[in-house]
Amino acid sequence: MNNPDPDSGPAASGPLTRRVGSDLILRVGSSLVLIPVALGAAWWGGWPAYLLVGVVAVLFFLEWALVVGSSDALFTGDPRVLAPAAFVAASVIITGQISPFSGIILTLLAGVVGASIGRSPWLGGGAFYAALFGVALTAIRRDPVDGLSAIVVLLVAVWAADSCAYFAGRLIGGPKLWPRVSPKKTWSGAIGGLVGGVGFALLAAFLLGVRPSVGLVMLLIVLVLVSQAGDLAESALKRRFGRKDSSSIIPGHGGVLDRVDGLAAAGVVAFLVGWAHQGAEAIGGGILSW
């Protein structure tokens, strides 16, 4: 007599549960902790926001060093990693306390120090990217008029895109987006993420009193697409170096790098667009006002 198929019949948990995946509870639990912390720091601004961004940017870089083989442990005492990490942290602090111009200078130095002391262009590139990510979020929030609204809209766009892509991909399935790099990602997930990310970000903007415009919609489309590209780029980086996750520091999500890869890419683009649109002291307004 054949044993029953564990994935069929009453004993199975049902098609919805099977498709969503066993890590959903961990993902939701982690998100219920991380999202209020991030939004609380964003609302408070100042040192709480800069401190959180600095910690995230440094962890981003430490995990990058681990992925590319420049470090054997996430929390290492290797000066080749700690020296550029110090410049990553300093770039965030200087941006918040002085100006984005000063932060960009330290961002460049972070890349140079990482490449020279670490003797690795991958380590230097990671230090530059992590510092630029930290500078971007800090400079956006630093805008005294529109900084809070801009950072919340950005966070909602990226988080909603990620969540909607996850559920659309699991529930709809279909052709793979780029199976060689990320076997689980589908076109249905990418489209669901784009629609959900833009839709929820527009809702957040409306609730925050931001006047909707065609320019804002177009920018949100770009930012969501860039966040998805950042996610794929991080998957390609891990695949190149034979890593599954950047670390296991966040249950259900892997590492900080796994969690904020899309936010880093979208944040940098939003920062550059806002700066080009309304200047270094009004980057938030440059993102929202069109």
Protein backbone atom coordinates (compact mmCIF):
# COMPACT_ATOMS: atom_id res chain seq x y z
CA MET A 1 0.00 0.00 0.00
CA ASN A 2 1.43 3.38 -1.03
CA ASN A 3 1.96 6.08 1.58
CA PRO A 4 -0.19 9.15 1.03
CA ASP A 5 1.41 12.12 -0.63
CA PRO A 6 2.27 14.57 2.17
CA ASP A 7 1.49 17.47 -0.13
CA SER A 8 -2.05 16.37 -0.96
CA GLY A 9 -5.29 15.53 0.80
CA PRO A 10 -6.57 16.69 4.17
CA ALA A 11 -3.18 16.37 5.81
CA ALA A 12 -1.79 19.04 3.56
CA SER A 13 -1.96 22.60 4.69
CA GLY A 14 -3.71 23.71 1.52
CA PRO A 15 -2.53 25.39 -1.67
CA LEU A 16 -2.43 28.89 -0.19
CA THR A 17 -0.21 27.88 2.73
CA ARG A 18 2.07 25.82 0.48
CA ARG A 19 2.55 28.69 -1.94
CA VAL A 20 3.14 31.39 0.66
CA GLY A 21 5.93 29.36 2.24
CA SER A 22 6.98 28.18 5.65
CA ASP A 23 9.02 31.30 6.43
CA LEU A 24 6.00 33.63 6.35
CA ILE A 25 5.53 33.70 10.13
CA LEU A 26 9.18 34.62 10.66
CA ARG A 27 9.00 37.30 7.97
CA VAL A 28 5.87 38.84 9.46
CA GLY A 29 7.24 38.66 13.00
CA SER A 30 10.48 40.37 12.03
CA SER A 31 8.59 43.02 10.07
CA LEU A 32 6.32 43.76 13.04
CA VAL A 33 9.44 44.66 15.01
CA LEU A 34 11.51 46.39 12.34
CA ILE A 35 8.85 48.54 10.67
CA PRO A 36 7.75 50.40 13.84
CA VAL A 37 11.41 51.00 14.75
CA ALA A 38 12.16 52.42 11.31
CA LEU A 39 9.03 54.58 11.18
CA GLY A 40 9.58 55.77 14.75
CA ALA A 41 13.14 56.87 13.99
CA ALA A 42 11.96 58.51 10.77
CA TRP A 43 9.24 60.42 12.62
CA TRP A 44 11.61 61.55 15.37
CA GLY A 45 14.37 62.64 12.99
CA GLY A 46 17.66 64.04 14.22
CA TRP A 47 20.04 61.77 16.11
CA PRO A 48 17.64 58.79 16.47
CA ALA A 49 17.18 58.68 12.70
CA TYR A 50 20.87 59.25 11.94
CA LEU A 51 21.92 56.61 14.48
CA LEU A 52 19.59 53.99 12.99
CA VAL A 53 20.70 54.79 9.44
CA GLY A 54 24.35 54.65 10.52
CA VAL A 55 23.92 51.24 12.17
CA VAL A 56 22.10 49.88 9.11
CA ALA A 57 24.72 51.26 6.71
CA VAL A 58 27.60 49.77 8.73
CA LEU A 59 25.86 46.37 8.95
CA PHE A 60 25.19 46.62 5.21
CA PHE A 61 28.93 47.04 4.63
CA LEU A 62 29.98 44.33 7.11
CA GLU A 63 27.68 41.84 5.41
CA TRP A 64 28.97 42.94 2.01
CA ALA A 65 32.53 42.23 3.23
CA LEU A 66 31.38 38.80 4.38
CA VAL A 67 29.72 38.03 1.04
CA VAL A 68 32.71 39.04 -1.10
CA GLY A 69 35.13 37.05 1.06
CA SER A 70 36.97 39.97 2.67
CA SER A 71 35.83 38.92 6.14
CA ASP A 72 35.39 35.57 7.89
CA ALA A 73 32.77 36.81 10.37
CA LEU A 74 30.08 39.47 10.44
CA PHE A 75 31.53 41.17 13.51
CA THR A 76 35.22 41.11 12.76
CA GLY A 77 38.25 42.80 14.26
CA ASP A 78 40.08 42.94 10.94
CA PRO A 79 41.31 46.54 10.40
CA ARG A 80 40.95 46.11 6.63
CA VAL A 81 37.20 45.96 7.22
CA LEU A 82 36.89 48.18 10.28
CA ALA A 83 38.69 51.16 8.70
CA PRO A 84 36.25 51.60 5.79
CA ALA A 85 33.35 50.79 8.16
CA ALA A 86 34.40 53.79 10.26
CA PHE A 87 34.22 56.01 7.19
CA VAL A 88 30.76 54.62 6.38
CA ALA A 89 29.54 55.59 9.86
CA ALA A 90 31.24 58.99 9.70
CA SER A 91 29.65 59.79 6.34
CA VAL A 92 26.18 59.42 7.86
CA ILE A 93 27.00 61.52 10.94
CA ILE A 94 28.63 64.28 8.91
CA THR A 95 25.69 64.40 6.49
CA GLY A 96 23.23 64.80 9.33
CA GLN A 97 25.24 67.37 11.26
CA ILE A 98 26.91 69.39 8.50
CA SER A 99 25.76 68.79 4.90
CA PRO A 100 25.32 66.19 2.16
CA PHE A 101 28.37 67.67 0.40
CA SER A 102 30.56 66.69 3.36
CA GLY A 103 28.96 63.26 3.48
CA ILE A 104 29.74 62.66 -0.19
CA ILE A 105 33.42 63.47 0.42
CA LEU A 106 33.56 60.86 3.18
CA THR A 107 31.69 58.43 0.93
CA LEU A 108 34.45 58.73 -1.65
CA LEU A 109 37.05 58.26 1.07
CA ALA A 110 35.24 55.14 2.31
CA GLY A 111 35.56 53.63 -1.15
CA VAL A 112 39.22 54.57 -1.48
CA VAL A 113 40.11 53.23 1.98
CA GLY A 114 38.23 49.99 1.37
CA ALA A 115 39.92 49.40 -1.98
CA SER A 116 43.42 50.34 -0.81
CA ILE A 117 43.62 48.93 2.72
CA GLY A 118 41.43 45.94 1.92
CA ARG A 119 43.23 45.46 -1.41
CA SER A 120 39.94 44.59 -3.05
CA PRO A 121 37.84 46.59 -5.51
CA TRP A 122 34.83 44.62 -4.26
CA LEU A 123 35.43 45.79 -0.70
CA GLY A 124 36.00 49.37 -1.86
CA GLY A 125 32.84 49.29 -3.95
CA GLY A 126 30.86 47.95 -1.01
CA ALA A 127 32.17 50.67 1.31
CA PHE A 128 31.28 53.35 -1.24
CA TYR A 129 27.79 51.94 -1.83
CA ALA A 130 27.04 51.48 1.88
CA ALA A 131 28.18 55.01 2.68
CA LEU A 132 26.20 56.47 -0.24
CA PHE A 133 23.12 54.57 0.94
CA GLY A 134 23.51 56.02 4.43
CA VAL A 135 24.15 59.53 3.13
CA ALA A 136 21.09 59.29 0.86
CA LEU A 137 18.61 58.37 3.60
CA THR A 138 20.10 60.88 6.03
CA ALA A 139 20.05 63.72 3.49
CA ILE A 140 16.43 62.99 2.55
CA ARG A 141 15.27 63.01 6.19
CA ARG A 142 17.39 66.09 6.92
CA ASP A 143 15.08 68.29 4.81
CA PRO A 144 13.24 70.27 7.54
CA VAL A 145 10.08 70.76 5.48
CA ASP A 146 9.47 67.60 3.46
CA GLY A 147 12.04 65.18 4.86
CA LEU A 148 9.65 63.13 6.97
CA SER A 149 7.04 62.78 4.23
CA ALA A 150 9.65 61.92 1.61
CA ILE A 151 11.35 59.22 3.67
CA VAL A 152 8.00 57.64 4.63
CA VAL A 153 6.83 57.58 1.01
CA LEU A 154 10.14 56.02 -0.04
CA LEU A 155 9.96 53.37 2.69
CA VAL A 156 6.35 52.52 1.85
CA ALA A 157 7.14 52.25 -1.87
CA VAL A 158 9.99 49.79 -1.29
CA TRP A 159 8.34 47.77 1.49
CA ALA A 160 5.02 47.50 -0.34
CA ALA A 161 6.75 46.53 -3.58
CA ASP A 162 8.67 43.79 -1.79
CA SER A 163 5.61 42.43 0.03
CA CYS A 164 3.31 42.60 -2.99
CA ALA A 165 5.95 40.91 -5.16
CA TYR A 166 6.30 38.15 -2.57
CA PHE A 167 2.60 37.39 -2.41
CA ALA A 168 1.91 37.86 -6.13
CA GLY A 169 4.79 35.57 -7.02
CA ARG A 170 3.67 32.86 -4.57
CA LEU A 171 -0.03 33.04 -5.40
CA ILE A 172 0.13 33.55 -9.17
CA GLY A 173 3.48 32.04 -10.14
CA GLY A 174 4.26 31.83 -13.83
CA PRO A 175 7.42 32.50 -15.86
CA LYS A 176 10.61 33.22 -13.97
CA LEU A 177 12.06 36.72 -14.09
CA TRP A 178 15.77 35.79 -14.13
CA PRO A 179 16.12 32.14 -13.09
CA ARG A 180 19.91 32.02 -13.44
CA VAL A 181 20.29 34.70 -10.76
CA SER A 182 17.15 34.41 -8.63
CA PRO A 183 15.19 31.20 -9.30
CA LYS A 184 12.18 32.14 -7.14
CA LYS A 185 11.39 35.54 -8.66
CA THR A 186 8.64 35.66 -11.28
CA TRP A 187 7.28 38.19 -13.73
CA SER A 188 3.96 38.11 -11.87
CA GLY A 189 5.81 39.04 -8.69
CA ALA A 190 7.65 41.88 -10.39
CA ILE A 191 4.44 43.30 -11.87
CA GLY A 192 2.54 42.85 -8.61
CA GLY A 193 5.37 44.58 -6.77
CA LEU A 194 5.37 47.49 -9.20
CA VAL A 195 1.62 48.04 -8.97
CA GLY A 196 1.49 47.56 -5.20
CA GLY A 197 4.57 49.66 -4.48
CA VAL A 198 3.39 52.63 -6.51
CA GLY A 199 -0.19 52.32 -5.27
CA PHE A 200 0.63 52.17 -1.58
CA ALA A 201 3.25 54.92 -1.89
CA LEU A 202 0.67 57.21 -3.52
CA LEU A 203 -1.76 56.41 -0.72
CA ALA A 204 0.91 57.26 1.86
CA ALA A 205 1.69 60.51 0.05
CA PHE A 206 -2.01 61.44 -0.01
CA LEU A 207 -2.40 60.72 3.71
CA LEU A 208 0.65 62.89 4.40
CA GLY A 209 -0.89 65.81 2.50
CA VAL A 210 1.32 65.58 -0.59
CA ARG A 211 -0.35 66.85 -3.76
CA PRO A 212 -0.37 64.02 -6.33
CA SER A 213 1.18 64.74 -9.71
CA VAL A 214 2.23 62.96 -12.86
CA GLY A 215 5.85 63.67 -11.97
CA LEU A 216 5.50 61.95 -8.60
CA VAL A 217 3.84 58.91 -10.17
CA MET A 218 6.62 58.63 -12.76
CA LEU A 219 9.29 58.95 -10.08
CA LEU A 220 7.63 56.28 -7.94
CA ILE A 221 7.53 53.92 -10.92
CA VAL A 222 11.26 54.49 -11.43
CA LEU A 223 12.03 54.02 -7.73
CA VAL A 224 10.11 50.74 -7.50
CA LEU A 225 11.80 49.41 -10.64
CA VAL A 226 15.18 50.47 -9.27
CA SER A 227 14.43 48.77 -5.95
CA GLN A 228 13.65 45.55 -7.82
CA ALA A 229 16.86 45.92 -9.82
CA GLY A 230 18.78 46.42 -6.57
CA ASP A 231 17.29 43.21 -5.22
CA LEU A 232 18.36 41.32 -8.35
CA ALA A 233 21.84 42.87 -8.25
CA GLU A 234 22.32 41.68 -4.67
CA SER A 235 21.17 38.19 -5.69
CA ALA A 236 23.71 38.25 -8.52
CA LEU A 237 26.44 39.33 -6.10
CA LYS A 238 25.66 36.48 -3.69
CA ARG A 239 25.51 33.96 -6.52
CA ARG A 240 28.87 35.11 -7.85
CA PHE A 241 30.47 34.51 -4.45
CA GLY A 242 28.49 31.36 -3.63
CA ARG A 243 26.39 32.78 -0.78
CA LYS A 244 22.72 32.07 -0.08
CA ASP A 245 22.13 34.85 2.47
CA SER A 246 24.28 37.80 3.48
CA SER A 247 23.87 36.69 7.12
CA SER A 248 21.17 35.32 9.43
CA ILE A 249 20.78 38.37 11.66
CA ILE A 250 17.09 38.95 10.75
CA PRO A 251 14.85 35.86 11.17
CA GLY A 252 12.93 35.06 7.99
CA HIS A 253 14.80 37.65 5.94
CA GLY A 254 18.47 36.67 6.12
CA GLY A 255 20.70 39.66 6.67
CA VAL A 256 20.45 43.43 6.60
CA LEU A 257 21.83 43.42 3.06
CA ASP A 258 19.06 41.02 2.03
CA ARG A 259 16.45 43.26 3.66
CA VAL A 260 17.55 46.69 2.39
CA ASP A 261 19.08 45.91 -1.01
CA GLY A 262 16.11 47.45 -2.81
CA LEU A 263 15.91 50.38 -0.39
CA ALA A 264 19.60 51.15 -0.93
CA ALA A 265 19.23 51.35 -4.70
CA ALA A 266 15.96 53.30 -4.62
CA GLY A 267 17.21 55.58 -1.84
CA VAL A 268 20.32 56.57 -3.78
CA VAL A 269 18.28 57.37 -6.90
CA ALA A 270 15.68 59.34 -4.90
CA PHE A 271 18.50 61.27 -3.21
CA LEU A 272 20.14 62.20 -6.52
CA VAL A 273 16.82 63.18 -8.13
CA GLY A 274 15.78 65.28 -5.13
CA TRP A 275 19.16 67.02 -4.99
CA ALA A 276 19.14 67.76 -8.72
CA HIS A 277 15.54 69.01 -8.54
CA GLN A 278 15.62 71.35 -5.52
CA GLY A 279 19.14 71.39 -4.10
CA ALA A 280 21.00 69.76 -1.22
CA GLU A 281 18.97 71.42 1.55
CA ALA A 282 15.54 70.49 0.15
CA ILE A 283 16.01 66.95 -1.12
CA GLY A 284 12.71 65.73 0.34
CA GLY A 285 10.84 68.47 -1.48
CA GLY A 286 12.73 67.61 -4.65
CA ILE A 287 11.36 64.08 -4.43
CA LEU A 288 7.72 64.94 -3.69
CA SER A 289 7.01 68.29 -5.37
CA TRP A 290 6.59 68.27 -9.15
